[in-house]
Amino acid sequence: MTETTARIRWQDDGLSGNHAGYVGTLAGPAFRIYSPDAAHDDWLLSVRVAAGSEFFYGDGPEKLKAEAEHWLTRFVASLGAVFPEDDDSAVFGDVTDEEAFVAQHAPGRRVRYAKTDAGYPADQKMAADLLTPGEVYTIAWSDIGFASSRLGLAGVESRGQGFNSVLFEPVDDPEPVPSHPEEER
């Protein structure tokens, strides 16, 4: 059986419940979802979009297919490309003006880690490991895009990938805090 999610063509092997996900013109599958076995209780997503592999466990193939879509979007964005969105309002949530969204998430602005259950599971886990719910953080850098927006937070090492902006709410500051106060003279 073949099913297509937003950008990945999934093929069920029909026997073990494993799934292969094909992208674009790649000859082999970029993603594989393995069903639980004697050694593992969880489903496993294997990603082979770039050199090397990454793995993610989940409780079923549907969540792992969503995670695969997220990883594909991030991989394409790392090449400088984006997938077009059908509805721009979904990208910016309650904010309909893109410039206002960018301004709210500019370096030096402050955000509160308030939406612990928003975004993709991998983003939620990294934030839960490194951040405190309700805490206010200063944005060190931001990468605002159509498919996703990432924020680097001052004083928080996020392995260089930043945090998904959907995890935060802007704190009403009249003026941004300088990113490097010692350099401001």
N, C-alpha and C. Protein backbone atom coordinates (compact mmCIF):
# COMPACT_ATOMS: atom_id res chain seq x y z
N MET A 1 0.85 -1.18 0.00
CA MET A 1 0.00 0.00 0.00
C MET A 1 0.90 1.25 0.00
N THR A 2 0.59 2.23 -0.84
CA THR A 2 1.34 3.47 -0.90
C THR A 2 0.44 4.61 -0.45
N GLU A 3 0.99 5.47 0.42
CA GLU A 3 0.27 6.64 0.93
C GLU A 3 1.22 7.83 0.81
N THR A 4 0.70 8.99 0.48
CA THR A 4 1.52 10.18 0.41
C THR A 4 1.10 11.14 1.50
N THR A 5 2.07 11.52 2.36
CA THR A 5 1.81 12.61 3.29
C THR A 5 2.16 13.88 2.54
N ALA A 6 2.36 14.97 3.20
CA ALA A 6 2.56 16.25 2.51
C ALA A 6 3.65 16.19 1.44
N ARG A 7 4.80 15.58 1.73
CA ARG A 7 5.91 15.60 0.78
C ARG A 7 6.60 14.25 0.64
N ILE A 8 6.17 13.26 1.37
CA ILE A 8 6.84 11.95 1.38
C ILE A 8 5.87 10.88 0.90
N ARG A 9 6.34 10.04 -0.03
CA ARG A 9 5.55 8.90 -0.49
C ARG A 9 5.90 7.70 0.38
N TRP A 10 4.92 7.19 1.12
CA TRP A 10 5.14 6.08 2.05
C TRP A 10 4.68 4.78 1.43
N GLN A 11 5.50 3.76 1.57
CA GLN A 11 5.14 2.44 1.07
C GLN A 11 5.24 1.44 2.22
N ASP A 12 4.13 0.76 2.50
CA ASP A 12 4.07 -0.26 3.55
C ASP A 12 4.59 -1.55 2.97
N ASP A 13 5.46 -2.25 3.70
CA ASP A 13 6.00 -3.49 3.14
C ASP A 13 5.00 -4.64 3.17
N GLY A 14 3.85 -4.44 3.84
CA GLY A 14 2.79 -5.42 3.80
C GLY A 14 2.97 -6.61 4.73
N LEU A 15 4.14 -6.86 5.23
CA LEU A 15 4.38 -8.02 6.07
C LEU A 15 4.56 -7.65 7.54
N SER A 16 5.60 -6.87 7.82
CA SER A 16 5.95 -6.57 9.21
C SER A 16 5.37 -5.25 9.71
N GLY A 17 4.71 -4.50 8.82
CA GLY A 17 4.19 -3.20 9.22
C GLY A 17 5.20 -2.08 9.10
N ASN A 18 6.39 -2.38 8.56
CA ASN A 18 7.40 -1.35 8.35
C ASN A 18 7.00 -0.47 7.17
N HIS A 19 7.51 0.77 7.16
CA HIS A 19 7.16 1.73 6.12
C HIS A 19 8.45 2.33 5.55
N ALA A 20 8.48 2.52 4.23
CA ALA A 20 9.60 3.19 3.56
C ALA A 20 9.07 4.50 2.99
N GLY A 21 9.79 5.60 3.24
CA GLY A 21 9.39 6.92 2.76
C GLY A 21 10.32 7.44 1.70
N TYR A 22 9.78 7.72 0.51
CA TYR A 22 10.57 8.18 -0.63
C TYR A 22 10.34 9.67 -0.85
N VAL A 23 11.43 10.38 -1.21
CA VAL A 23 11.39 11.82 -1.42
C VAL A 23 11.97 12.15 -2.78
N GLY A 24 11.26 12.98 -3.52
CA GLY A 24 11.78 13.46 -4.80
C GLY A 24 12.24 12.35 -5.71
N THR A 25 13.45 12.50 -6.27
CA THR A 25 13.98 11.51 -7.21
C THR A 25 15.02 10.60 -6.58
N LEU A 26 15.17 10.63 -5.25
CA LEU A 26 16.13 9.74 -4.59
C LEU A 26 15.75 8.29 -4.90
N ALA A 27 16.76 7.47 -5.25
CA ALA A 27 16.50 6.08 -5.63
C ALA A 27 16.02 5.24 -4.44
N GLY A 28 16.62 5.45 -3.30
CA GLY A 28 16.24 4.68 -2.12
C GLY A 28 15.40 5.51 -1.17
N PRO A 29 14.84 4.85 -0.16
CA PRO A 29 14.03 5.60 0.80
C PRO A 29 14.89 6.53 1.66
N ALA A 30 14.39 7.73 1.89
CA ALA A 30 15.06 8.68 2.76
C ALA A 30 14.68 8.42 4.22
N PHE A 31 13.52 7.81 4.42
CA PHE A 31 13.01 7.53 5.76
C PHE A 31 12.55 6.07 5.82
N ARG A 32 12.74 5.47 6.98
CA ARG A 32 12.18 4.14 7.23
C ARG A 32 11.55 4.16 8.62
N ILE A 33 10.38 3.55 8.74
CA ILE A 33 9.72 3.39 10.03
C ILE A 33 9.65 1.89 10.30
N TYR A 34 10.25 1.49 11.42
CA TYR A 34 10.28 0.09 11.81
C TYR A 34 9.28 -0.15 12.94
N SER A 35 8.53 -1.23 12.85
CA SER A 35 7.55 -1.57 13.88
C SER A 35 8.27 -2.13 15.11
N PRO A 36 7.58 -2.13 16.26
CA PRO A 36 8.18 -2.70 17.47
C PRO A 36 8.60 -4.16 17.24
N ASP A 37 9.65 -4.56 17.94
CA ASP A 37 10.09 -5.95 17.83
C ASP A 37 10.40 -6.48 19.23
N ALA A 38 11.01 -7.64 19.29
CA ALA A 38 11.29 -8.27 20.58
C ALA A 38 12.20 -7.41 21.45
N ALA A 39 13.07 -6.61 20.84
CA ALA A 39 14.02 -5.79 21.60
C ALA A 39 13.50 -4.38 21.92
N HIS A 40 12.48 -3.91 21.20
CA HIS A 40 12.00 -2.53 21.36
C HIS A 40 10.48 -2.48 21.41
N ASP A 41 9.94 -1.71 22.35
CA ASP A 41 8.50 -1.54 22.47
C ASP A 41 7.96 -0.43 21.56
N ASP A 42 8.84 0.48 21.15
CA ASP A 42 8.42 1.65 20.37
C ASP A 42 8.68 1.43 18.89
N TRP A 43 7.97 2.22 18.08
CA TRP A 43 8.26 2.31 16.65
C TRP A 43 9.54 3.14 16.51
N LEU A 44 10.27 2.97 15.40
CA LEU A 44 11.54 3.66 15.19
C LEU A 44 11.53 4.33 13.83
N LEU A 45 11.86 5.63 13.79
CA LEU A 45 12.03 6.37 12.55
C LEU A 45 13.52 6.49 12.28
N SER A 46 13.96 6.06 11.11
CA SER A 46 15.34 6.18 10.67
C SER A 46 15.37 7.19 9.52
N VAL A 47 16.28 8.17 9.60
CA VAL A 47 16.36 9.24 8.62
C VAL A 47 17.69 9.14 7.89
N ARG A 48 17.63 9.11 6.57
CA ARG A 48 18.83 9.07 5.75
C ARG A 48 18.74 10.11 4.64
N VAL A 49 18.39 11.34 5.00
CA VAL A 49 18.27 12.41 4.01
C VAL A 49 19.65 12.94 3.64
N ALA A 50 20.51 13.10 4.62
CA ALA A 50 21.87 13.59 4.40
C ALA A 50 22.83 12.45 4.78
N ALA A 51 24.12 12.73 4.70
CA ALA A 51 25.09 11.72 5.10
C ALA A 51 24.85 11.31 6.54
N GLY A 52 24.98 10.04 6.82
CA GLY A 52 24.74 9.54 8.17
C GLY A 52 23.26 9.26 8.38
N SER A 53 22.93 8.88 9.59
CA SER A 53 21.55 8.55 9.92
C SER A 53 21.19 9.15 11.26
N GLU A 54 19.91 9.41 11.45
CA GLU A 54 19.39 9.83 12.75
C GLU A 54 18.19 8.95 13.04
N PHE A 55 17.89 8.79 14.34
CA PHE A 55 16.80 7.93 14.75
C PHE A 55 15.90 8.64 15.74
N PHE A 56 14.62 8.26 15.73
CA PHE A 56 13.64 8.85 16.63
C PHE A 56 12.62 7.78 16.97
N TYR A 57 12.36 7.56 18.25
CA TYR A 57 11.36 6.58 18.67
C TYR A 57 10.01 7.25 18.89
N GLY A 58 8.94 6.52 18.65
CA GLY A 58 7.60 7.03 18.87
C GLY A 58 6.64 5.88 19.12
N ASP A 59 5.40 6.22 19.44
CA ASP A 59 4.42 5.18 19.78
C ASP A 59 3.57 4.72 18.60
N GLY A 60 3.89 5.17 17.39
CA GLY A 60 3.14 4.73 16.23
C GLY A 60 3.65 5.38 14.96
N PRO A 61 3.31 4.82 13.80
CA PRO A 61 3.83 5.36 12.54
C PRO A 61 3.31 6.75 12.19
N GLU A 62 2.10 7.11 12.60
CA GLU A 62 1.57 8.42 12.23
C GLU A 62 2.40 9.56 12.82
N LYS A 63 2.76 9.45 14.10
CA LYS A 63 3.60 10.48 14.72
C LYS A 63 4.98 10.51 14.07
N LEU A 64 5.51 9.35 13.71
CA LEU A 64 6.82 9.31 13.09
C LEU A 64 6.77 9.87 11.66
N LYS A 65 5.68 9.69 10.95
CA LYS A 65 5.53 10.29 9.62
C LYS A 65 5.52 11.82 9.74
N ALA A 66 4.86 12.34 10.77
CA ALA A 66 4.86 13.80 11.00
C ALA A 66 6.26 14.27 11.33
N GLU A 67 6.99 13.51 12.13
CA GLU A 67 8.38 13.86 12.46
C GLU A 67 9.25 13.83 11.21
N ALA A 68 9.05 12.85 10.33
CA ALA A 68 9.80 12.77 9.08
C ALA A 68 9.54 14.01 8.22
N GLU A 69 8.28 14.44 8.14
CA GLU A 69 7.96 15.68 7.40
C GLU A 69 8.72 16.87 7.98
N HIS A 70 8.76 16.94 9.31
CA HIS A 70 9.47 18.04 9.98
C HIS A 70 10.96 17.99 9.64
N TRP A 71 11.57 16.81 9.71
CA TRP A 71 13.00 16.70 9.40
C TRP A 71 13.27 17.05 7.95
N LEU A 72 12.40 16.65 7.04
CA LEU A 72 12.58 16.98 5.63
C LEU A 72 12.52 18.50 5.44
N THR A 73 11.57 19.15 6.08
CA THR A 73 11.45 20.61 5.99
C THR A 73 12.72 21.27 6.50
N ARG A 74 13.24 20.81 7.64
CA ARG A 74 14.47 21.38 8.20
C ARG A 74 15.66 21.13 7.28
N PHE A 75 15.74 19.95 6.67
CA PHE A 75 16.84 19.64 5.76
C PHE A 75 16.79 20.56 4.55
N VAL A 76 15.63 20.71 3.95
CA VAL A 76 15.49 21.58 2.78
C VAL A 76 15.82 23.02 3.17
N ALA A 77 15.36 23.47 4.34
CA ALA A 77 15.66 24.84 4.80
C ALA A 77 17.16 25.03 4.99
N SER A 78 17.87 23.97 5.40
CA SER A 78 19.32 24.09 5.59
C SER A 78 20.04 24.32 4.27
N LEU A 79 19.39 23.98 3.16
CA LEU A 79 19.95 24.23 1.84
C LEU A 79 19.55 25.60 1.30
N GLY A 80 18.76 26.33 2.07
CA GLY A 80 18.33 27.66 1.67
C GLY A 80 17.00 27.67 0.93
N ALA A 81 16.31 26.56 0.89
CA ALA A 81 15.01 26.49 0.21
C ALA A 81 13.91 26.32 1.24
N VAL A 82 12.69 26.57 0.83
CA VAL A 82 11.53 26.36 1.70
C VAL A 82 10.42 25.75 0.88
N PHE A 83 9.52 25.03 1.56
CA PHE A 83 8.32 24.55 0.92
C PHE A 83 7.28 25.65 1.00
N PRO A 84 6.56 25.93 -0.07
CA PRO A 84 5.53 26.97 0.01
C PRO A 84 4.40 26.51 0.94
N GLU A 85 3.85 27.45 1.66
CA GLU A 85 2.73 27.17 2.55
C GLU A 85 1.43 27.47 1.82
N ASP A 86 0.42 26.65 2.04
CA ASP A 86 -0.88 26.90 1.44
C ASP A 86 -1.55 28.10 2.09
N ASP A 87 -1.29 28.28 3.38
CA ASP A 87 -1.96 29.34 4.13
C ASP A 87 -0.94 30.01 5.04
N ASP A 88 -0.53 31.24 4.70
CA ASP A 88 0.48 31.94 5.50
C ASP A 88 0.05 32.17 6.93
N SER A 89 -1.25 32.22 7.21
CA SER A 89 -1.69 32.46 8.58
C SER A 89 -1.29 31.31 9.49
N ALA A 90 -1.12 30.10 8.94
CA ALA A 90 -0.70 28.96 9.75
C ALA A 90 0.75 29.13 10.19
N VAL A 91 1.57 29.81 9.39
CA VAL A 91 2.97 29.99 9.72
C VAL A 91 3.12 30.98 10.88
N PHE A 92 2.37 32.04 10.86
CA PHE A 92 2.56 33.09 11.83
C PHE A 92 1.53 33.09 12.95
N GLY A 93 0.70 32.06 13.06
CA GLY A 93 -0.25 31.94 14.16
C GLY A 93 -1.19 33.13 14.21
N ASP A 94 -1.30 33.75 15.38
CA ASP A 94 -2.19 34.89 15.55
C ASP A 94 -1.67 36.16 14.89
N VAL A 95 -0.39 36.19 14.59
CA VAL A 95 0.20 37.37 13.97
C VAL A 95 0.01 37.27 12.47
N THR A 96 -0.69 38.22 11.89
CA THR A 96 -0.95 38.16 10.45
C THR A 96 0.07 38.98 9.67
N ASP A 97 0.76 39.88 10.31
CA ASP A 97 1.74 40.72 9.63
C ASP A 97 3.13 40.13 9.82
N GLU A 98 3.73 39.67 8.73
CA GLU A 98 5.05 39.03 8.80
C GLU A 98 6.10 39.95 9.43
N GLU A 99 6.06 41.23 9.09
CA GLU A 99 7.04 42.16 9.65
C GLU A 99 6.90 42.28 11.16
N ALA A 100 5.67 42.25 11.66
CA ALA A 100 5.45 42.32 13.10
C ALA A 100 6.01 41.07 13.78
N PHE A 101 5.82 39.92 13.14
CA PHE A 101 6.34 38.66 13.69
C PHE A 101 7.86 38.71 13.76
N VAL A 102 8.50 39.16 12.68
CA VAL A 102 9.96 39.26 12.65
C VAL A 102 10.43 40.22 13.74
N ALA A 103 9.76 41.35 13.89
CA ALA A 103 10.14 42.33 14.91
C ALA A 103 9.98 41.77 16.32
N GLN A 104 8.94 40.98 16.56
CA GLN A 104 8.72 40.39 17.89
C GLN A 104 9.80 39.38 18.24
N HIS A 105 10.45 38.82 17.24
CA HIS A 105 11.44 37.78 17.46
C HIS A 105 12.85 38.21 17.04
N ALA A 106 13.10 39.50 17.07
CA ALA A 106 14.42 40.03 16.71
C ALA A 106 15.40 39.81 17.85
N PRO A 107 16.69 39.69 17.53
CA PRO A 107 17.70 39.58 18.59
C PRO A 107 17.56 40.72 19.60
N GLY A 108 17.66 40.36 20.86
CA GLY A 108 17.50 41.33 21.94
C GLY A 108 16.11 41.34 22.54
N ARG A 109 15.11 40.87 21.78
CA ARG A 109 13.75 40.78 22.33
C ARG A 109 13.70 39.66 23.35
N ARG A 110 12.68 39.69 24.18
CA ARG A 110 12.54 38.67 25.21
C ARG A 110 11.29 37.83 24.94
N VAL A 111 11.40 36.54 25.24
CA VAL A 111 10.30 35.61 25.05
C VAL A 111 10.18 34.71 26.28
N ARG A 112 8.97 34.25 26.52
CA ARG A 112 8.70 33.34 27.64
C ARG A 112 8.48 31.94 27.07
N TYR A 113 9.17 30.96 27.67
CA TYR A 113 8.96 29.56 27.30
C TYR A 113 7.65 29.13 27.95
N ALA A 114 6.56 29.18 27.16
CA ALA A 114 5.23 29.01 27.73
C ALA A 114 4.44 27.87 27.09
N LYS A 115 4.83 27.45 25.91
CA LYS A 115 4.01 26.47 25.17
C LYS A 115 4.78 25.15 25.07
N THR A 116 4.88 24.46 26.20
CA THR A 116 5.70 23.25 26.27
C THR A 116 5.18 22.11 25.40
N ASP A 117 3.91 22.16 25.01
CA ASP A 117 3.34 21.09 24.19
C ASP A 117 3.16 21.50 22.73
N ALA A 118 3.76 22.61 22.31
CA ALA A 118 3.63 23.08 20.93
C ALA A 118 4.80 22.55 20.09
N GLY A 119 4.60 22.53 18.80
CA GLY A 119 5.68 22.13 17.89
C GLY A 119 5.83 20.62 17.80
N TYR A 120 6.95 20.22 17.23
CA TYR A 120 7.23 18.81 17.00
C TYR A 120 7.84 18.16 18.24
N PRO A 121 7.67 16.86 18.41
CA PRO A 121 8.17 16.18 19.60
C PRO A 121 9.67 16.39 19.85
N ALA A 122 10.49 16.39 18.81
CA ALA A 122 11.93 16.59 19.01
C ALA A 122 12.21 17.98 19.57
N ASP A 123 11.47 19.00 19.09
CA ASP A 123 11.62 20.36 19.62
C ASP A 123 11.18 20.42 21.07
N GLN A 124 10.07 19.77 21.38
CA GLN A 124 9.56 19.76 22.76
C GLN A 124 10.58 19.12 23.70
N LYS A 125 11.18 18.02 23.28
CA LYS A 125 12.14 17.32 24.13
C LYS A 125 13.37 18.16 24.40
N MET A 126 13.94 18.76 23.34
CA MET A 126 15.14 19.57 23.53
C MET A 126 14.84 20.75 24.46
N ALA A 127 13.70 21.41 24.24
CA ALA A 127 13.34 22.54 25.10
C ALA A 127 13.14 22.08 26.54
N ALA A 128 12.48 20.95 26.74
CA ALA A 128 12.25 20.44 28.10
C ALA A 128 13.57 20.12 28.79
N ASP A 129 14.56 19.65 28.03
CA ASP A 129 15.86 19.32 28.60
C ASP A 129 16.67 20.57 28.98
N LEU A 130 16.46 21.67 28.25
CA LEU A 130 17.33 22.83 28.42
C LEU A 130 16.68 24.08 29.02
N LEU A 131 15.34 24.15 29.01
CA LEU A 131 14.65 25.36 29.42
C LEU A 131 13.72 25.11 30.61
N THR A 132 13.35 26.18 31.29
CA THR A 132 12.42 26.12 32.42
C THR A 132 11.09 26.74 32.01
N PRO A 133 9.98 25.99 32.11
CA PRO A 133 8.68 26.57 31.74
C PRO A 133 8.40 27.85 32.53
N GLY A 134 7.89 28.87 31.83
CA GLY A 134 7.56 30.15 32.44
C GLY A 134 8.72 31.11 32.49
N GLU A 135 9.95 30.63 32.27
CA GLU A 135 11.15 31.48 32.33
C GLU A 135 11.19 32.40 31.10
N VAL A 136 11.71 33.61 31.31
CA VAL A 136 11.86 34.58 30.23
C VAL A 136 13.31 34.53 29.74
N TYR A 137 13.48 34.48 28.42
CA TYR A 137 14.81 34.39 27.81
C TYR A 137 14.98 35.53 26.80
N THR A 138 16.23 35.92 26.57
CA THR A 138 16.55 36.94 25.58
C THR A 138 16.99 36.25 24.30
N ILE A 139 16.45 36.71 23.18
CA ILE A 139 16.79 36.12 21.87
C ILE A 139 18.18 36.61 21.46
N ALA A 140 19.07 35.66 21.19
CA ALA A 140 20.42 35.99 20.72
C ALA A 140 20.44 36.08 19.20
N TRP A 141 19.70 35.20 18.53
CA TRP A 141 19.59 35.23 17.07
C TRP A 141 18.25 34.62 16.69
N SER A 142 17.78 34.95 15.50
CA SER A 142 16.54 34.37 15.01
C SER A 142 16.68 34.06 13.52
N ASP A 143 16.04 32.99 13.13
CA ASP A 143 16.00 32.57 11.73
C ASP A 143 14.53 32.38 11.39
N ILE A 144 13.92 33.44 10.86
CA ILE A 144 12.49 33.43 10.58
C ILE A 144 12.29 32.99 9.14
N GLY A 145 11.54 31.91 8.94
CA GLY A 145 11.29 31.39 7.60
C GLY A 145 9.83 31.08 7.40
N PHE A 146 9.49 30.66 6.19
CA PHE A 146 8.11 30.32 5.87
C PHE A 146 7.70 28.98 6.49
N ALA A 147 8.61 28.00 6.45
CA ALA A 147 8.27 26.67 6.94
C ALA A 147 8.46 26.54 8.44
N SER A 148 9.44 27.25 8.98
CA SER A 148 9.68 27.20 10.42
C SER A 148 10.50 28.40 10.82
N SER A 149 10.47 28.71 12.10
CA SER A 149 11.26 29.81 12.64
C SER A 149 11.99 29.30 13.87
N ARG A 150 13.28 29.58 13.94
CA ARG A 150 14.12 29.10 15.03
C ARG A 150 14.68 30.31 15.78
N LEU A 151 14.82 30.14 17.09
CA LEU A 151 15.36 31.19 17.95
C LEU A 151 16.54 30.65 18.73
N GLY A 152 17.64 31.38 18.71
CA GLY A 152 18.76 31.09 19.60
C GLY A 152 18.59 31.96 20.83
N LEU A 153 18.79 31.38 21.99
CA LEU A 153 18.58 32.11 23.24
C LEU A 153 19.91 32.39 23.93
N ALA A 154 20.08 33.62 24.40
CA ALA A 154 21.30 34.02 25.08
C ALA A 154 21.54 33.13 26.30
N GLY A 155 22.75 32.59 26.38
CA GLY A 155 23.12 31.77 27.53
C GLY A 155 22.63 30.34 27.51
N VAL A 156 21.97 29.92 26.41
CA VAL A 156 21.45 28.55 26.33
C VAL A 156 22.08 27.87 25.12
N GLU A 157 22.83 26.81 25.35
CA GLU A 157 23.46 26.06 24.26
C GLU A 157 22.47 25.05 23.69
N SER A 158 22.02 25.30 22.48
CA SER A 158 21.04 24.42 21.83
C SER A 158 21.66 23.65 20.68
N ARG A 159 22.93 23.33 20.81
CA ARG A 159 23.66 22.59 19.78
C ARG A 159 23.60 23.31 18.42
N GLY A 160 23.50 24.63 18.47
CA GLY A 160 23.51 25.44 17.26
C GLY A 160 22.24 25.46 16.45
N GLN A 161 21.23 24.68 16.85
CA GLN A 161 20.02 24.62 16.02
C GLN A 161 18.91 25.52 16.52
N GLY A 162 19.02 26.08 17.71
CA GLY A 162 17.97 26.96 18.22
C GLY A 162 16.71 26.21 18.58
N PHE A 163 15.68 26.98 18.94
CA PHE A 163 14.41 26.42 19.38
C PHE A 163 13.30 26.88 18.45
N ASN A 164 12.32 26.05 18.23
CA ASN A 164 11.18 26.40 17.41
C ASN A 164 10.43 27.55 18.08
N SER A 165 10.13 28.60 17.32
CA SER A 165 9.50 29.80 17.88
C SER A 165 8.11 29.54 18.44
N VAL A 166 7.45 28.45 18.00
CA VAL A 166 6.10 28.19 18.50
C VAL A 166 6.08 27.83 19.98
N LEU A 167 7.23 27.56 20.56
CA LEU A 167 7.31 27.21 21.98
C LEU A 167 7.24 28.45 22.89
N PHE A 168 7.30 29.63 22.29
CA PHE A 168 7.45 30.86 23.07
C PHE A 168 6.34 31.86 22.81
N GLU A 169 6.14 32.74 23.78
CA GLU A 169 5.28 33.89 23.58
C GLU A 169 6.12 35.13 23.82
N PRO A 170 5.95 36.17 22.99
CA PRO A 170 6.72 37.39 23.17
C PRO A 170 6.39 38.06 24.51
N VAL A 171 7.41 38.64 25.12
CA VAL A 171 7.22 39.43 26.33
C VAL A 171 7.18 40.87 25.88
N ASP A 172 6.21 41.59 26.35
CA ASP A 172 6.00 42.97 25.90
C ASP A 172 7.12 43.86 26.42
N ASP A 173 8.12 44.10 25.57
CA ASP A 173 9.22 45.00 25.88
C ASP A 173 9.13 46.19 24.94
N PRO A 174 9.21 47.40 25.45
CA PRO A 174 9.15 48.54 24.54
C PRO A 174 10.36 48.61 23.61
N GLU A 175 11.53 48.23 24.07
CA GLU A 175 12.74 48.27 23.26
C GLU A 175 13.51 46.97 23.46
N PRO A 176 14.18 46.47 22.41
CA PRO A 176 14.98 45.26 22.59
C PRO A 176 16.14 45.51 23.55
N VAL A 177 16.53 44.45 24.25
CA VAL A 177 17.73 44.48 25.08
C VAL A 177 18.89 44.25 24.16
N PRO A 178 19.99 45.02 24.24
CA PRO A 178 21.13 44.77 23.33
C PRO A 178 21.64 43.34 23.49
N SER A 179 21.97 42.69 22.38
CA SER A 179 22.46 41.31 22.42
C SER A 179 23.77 41.20 23.16
N HIS A 180 24.64 42.19 22.96
CA HIS A 180 25.95 42.20 23.61
C HIS A 180 26.14 43.56 24.27
N PRO A 181 25.62 43.74 25.50
CA PRO A 181 25.67 45.05 26.14
C PRO A 181 27.07 45.64 26.24
N GLU A 182 28.09 44.78 26.39
CA GLU A 182 29.45 45.31 26.51
C GLU A 182 29.93 45.94 25.22
N GLU A 183 29.31 45.57 24.08
CA GLU A 183 29.71 46.15 22.80
C GLU A 183 28.94 47.44 22.51
N GLU A 184 27.87 47.70 23.22
CA GLU A 184 27.08 48.91 23.00
C GLU A 184 27.74 50.06 23.76
N ARG A 185 28.19 51.07 23.09
CA ARG A 185 28.85 52.20 23.74
C ARG A 185 28.26 53.49 23.25
